[in-house]
C-alpha atoms as a PDB file:
ATOM      1  CA  MET A   1       5.392  -7.249  34.960  1.00  0.00           C
ATOM      2  CA  THR A   2       4.022  -6.125  31.339  1.00  0.00           C
ATOM      3  CA  GLN A   3       7.076  -6.397  29.441  1.00  0.00           C
ATOM      4  CA  TYR A   4       7.071 -10.423  29.644  1.00  0.00           C
ATOM      5  CA  GLU A   5       3.442 -10.549  28.385  1.00  0.00           C
ATOM      6  CA  ASP A   6       4.481 -11.466  24.822  1.00  0.00           C
ATOM      7  CA  ARG A   7       6.846 -13.884  26.166  1.00  0.00           C
ATOM      8  CA  VAL A   8       3.803 -15.535  28.510  1.00  0.00           C
ATOM      9  CA  GLU A   9       1.710 -15.201  25.260  1.00  0.00           C
ATOM     10  CA  GLN A  10       4.197 -17.588  23.023  1.00  0.00           C
ATOM     11  CA  GLN A  11       4.949 -19.869  25.500  1.00  0.00           C
ATOM     12  CA  ARG A  12       1.059 -20.566  25.931  1.00  0.00           C
ATOM     13  CA  LEU A  13       0.486 -20.850  22.209  1.00  0.00           C
ATOM     14  CA  LYS A  14       3.674 -22.983  22.051  1.00  0.00           C
ATOM     15  CA  ILE A  15       2.194 -25.367  24.748  1.00  0.00           C
ATOM     16  CA  GLU A  16      -1.156 -25.366  23.357  1.00  0.00           C
ATOM     17  CA  ALA A  17       0.253 -26.242  19.665  1.00  0.00           C
ATOM     18  CA  GLU A  18       2.392 -28.905  21.120  1.00  0.00           C
ATOM     19  CA  GLU A  19      -0.851 -30.539  22.461  1.00  0.00           C
ATOM     20  CA  TRP A  20      -2.709 -29.907  19.560  1.00  0.00           C
ATOM     21  CA  ALA A  21       0.074 -31.373  17.291  1.00  0.00           C
ATOM     22  CA  LYS A  22      -0.965 -34.905  19.301  1.00  0.00           C
ATOM     23  CA  GLY A  23      -4.369 -34.960  17.504  1.00  0.00           C
ATOM     24  CA  VAL A  24      -5.286 -36.931  14.609  1.00  0.00           C
ATOM     25  CA  LYS A  25      -6.217 -34.962  11.725  1.00  0.00           C
ATOM     26  CA  SER A  26      -7.485 -37.901   9.477  1.00  0.00           C
ATOM     27  CA  LEU A  27      -7.664 -41.701   8.795  1.00  0.00           C
ATOM     28  CA  HIS A  28      -7.152 -43.661   5.443  1.00  0.00           C
ATOM     29  CA  ASN A  29      -7.412 -47.143   4.858  1.00  0.00           C
ATOM     30  CA  HIS A  30      -6.715 -47.690   1.290  1.00  0.00           C
ATOM     31  CA  SER A  31      -4.516 -49.975  -1.030  1.00  0.00           C
ATOM     32  CA  LEU A  32      -3.864 -46.672  -3.226  1.00  0.00           C
ATOM     33  CA  ASP A  33      -0.387 -45.283  -4.600  1.00  0.00           C
ATOM     34  CA  SER A  34      -1.484 -41.933  -5.214  1.00  0.00           C
ATOM     35  CA  MET A  35      -1.869 -40.175  -2.007  1.00  0.00           C
ATOM     36  CA  TRP A  36      -0.251 -37.102  -2.002  1.00  0.00           C
ATOM     37  CA  TYR A  37       2.409 -37.809   0.245  1.00  0.00           C
ATOM     38  CA  ASP A  38       2.843 -41.353  -0.510  1.00  0.00           C
ATOM     39  CA  THR A  39       6.710 -41.664  -1.026  1.00  0.00           C
ATOM     40  CA  ARG A  40       6.386 -45.881  -0.638  1.00  0.00           C
ATOM     41  CA  PRO A  41       4.087 -47.184  -3.427  1.00  0.00           C
ATOM     42  CA  GLN A  42       5.347 -50.766  -2.765  1.00  0.00           C
ATOM     43  CA  ASP A  43       3.346 -50.637   0.444  1.00  0.00           C
ATOM     44  CA  THR A  44       0.339 -51.265  -1.807  1.00  0.00           C
ATOM     45  CA  GLU A  45       1.426 -53.132  -4.763  1.00  0.00           C
ATOM     46  CA  ASP A  46      -0.278 -56.422  -5.143  1.00  0.00           C
ATOM     47  CA  ASP A  47      -3.674 -54.818  -3.686  1.00  0.00           C
ATOM     48  CA  LYS A  48      -1.918 -54.653   0.040  1.00  0.00           C
ATOM     49  CA  ARG A  49      -3.778 -51.999   2.091  1.00  0.00           C
ATOM     50  CA  VAL A  50      -2.345 -49.883   4.853  1.00  0.00           C
ATOM     51  CA  THR A  51      -3.804 -47.386   7.123  1.00  0.00           C
ATOM     52  CA  ASP A  52      -2.385 -44.032   7.295  1.00  0.00           C
ATOM     53  CA  LEU A  53      -3.084 -41.836  10.610  1.00  0.00           C
ATOM     54  CA  CYS A  54      -2.296 -38.427   9.931  1.00  0.00           C
ATOM     55  CA  TYR A  55      -1.603 -36.092  12.790  1.00  0.00           C
ATOM     56  CA  ASN A  56      -2.344 -32.507  13.150  1.00  0.00           C
ATOM     57  CA  ASP A  57       1.755 -31.781  13.156  1.00  0.00           C
ATOM     58  CA  GLY A  58       2.211 -33.241   9.688  1.00  0.00           C
ATOM     59  CA  SER A  59       3.553 -36.524  10.744  1.00  0.00           C
ATOM     60  CA  ILE A  60       1.734 -39.846   9.187  1.00  0.00           C
ATOM     61  CA  ARG A  61       2.002 -43.309  10.639  1.00  0.00           C
ATOM     62  CA  ARG A  62       1.292 -45.892   8.295  1.00  0.00           C
ATOM     63  CA  THR A  63       0.716 -49.318   9.642  1.00  0.00           C
ATOM     64  CA  LEU A  64       1.178 -51.961   6.815  1.00  0.00           C
ATOM     65  CA  SER A  65      -0.756 -55.137   6.053  1.00  0.00           C
ATOM     66  CA  ASP A  66       2.090 -57.353   8.154  1.00  0.00           C
ATOM     67  CA  GLY A  67       2.043 -54.855  11.043  1.00  0.00           C
ATOM     68  CA  GLY A  68       4.538 -52.862  10.416  1.00  0.00           C
ATOM     69  CA  VAL A  69       4.872 -49.738  11.056  1.00  0.00           C
ATOM     70  CA  ILE A  70       6.521 -46.783   9.005  1.00  0.00           C
ATOM     71  CA  MET A  71       6.592 -42.777   9.789  1.00  0.00           C
ATOM     72  CA  MET A  72       6.382 -40.403   6.893  1.00  0.00           C
ATOM     73  CA  GLY A  73       5.555 -36.750   6.252  1.00  0.00           C
ATOM     74  CA  VAL A  74       7.629 -33.618   7.621  1.00  0.00           C
ATOM     75  CA  GLU A  75       6.820 -32.928  11.353  1.00  0.00           C
ATOM     76  CA  LEU A  76       6.001 -29.379  12.207  1.00  0.00           C
ATOM     77  CA  ARG A  77       7.753 -27.553  14.916  1.00  0.00           C
ATOM     78  CA  GLY A  78       8.779 -24.606  16.745  1.00  0.00           C
ATOM     79  CA  GLN A  79       7.089 -21.278  15.318  1.00  0.00           C
ATOM     80  CA  ASP A  80       5.759 -23.555  12.158  1.00  0.00           C
ATOM     81  CA  LEU A  81       3.731 -25.791  14.390  1.00  0.00           C
ATOM     82  CA  ILE A  82       2.610 -22.641  16.218  1.00  0.00           C
ATOM     83  CA  ASP A  83       1.953 -20.843  13.236  1.00  0.00           C
ATOM     84  CA  GLN A  84      -0.365 -23.951  11.975  1.00  0.00           C
ATOM     85  CA  TYR A  85      -2.062 -24.111  15.200  1.00  0.00           C
ATOM     86  CA  VAL A  86      -3.107 -20.712  15.400  1.00  0.00           C
ATOM     87  CA  LYS A  87      -4.673 -20.785  11.562  1.00  0.00           C
ATOM     88  CA  HIS A  88      -6.703 -24.101  12.551  1.00  0.00           C
ATOM     89  CA  SER A  89      -8.223 -22.805  15.443  1.00  0.00           C
ATOM     90  CA  GLN A  90      -9.427 -19.289  14.443  1.00  0.00           C
END
């Protein structure tokens, strides 16, 4: 049975990483057009405000001043997600 220990450990890490990915990394309420991840400077033109909710998996949910929602960022998956999880949990 010990031949499967590595697979079991990898699956355990995968499940933990997927749960961790849903966690909030940061919350920004701003009118800046200079955020490192911002590909939509038009959202904050004319002093409009947005709320950016950044998740541990790298995705960013932007809520616009008119209530609209935009998803941004690069969502980590698979081994990349597991690697980030392990890095941040040590």
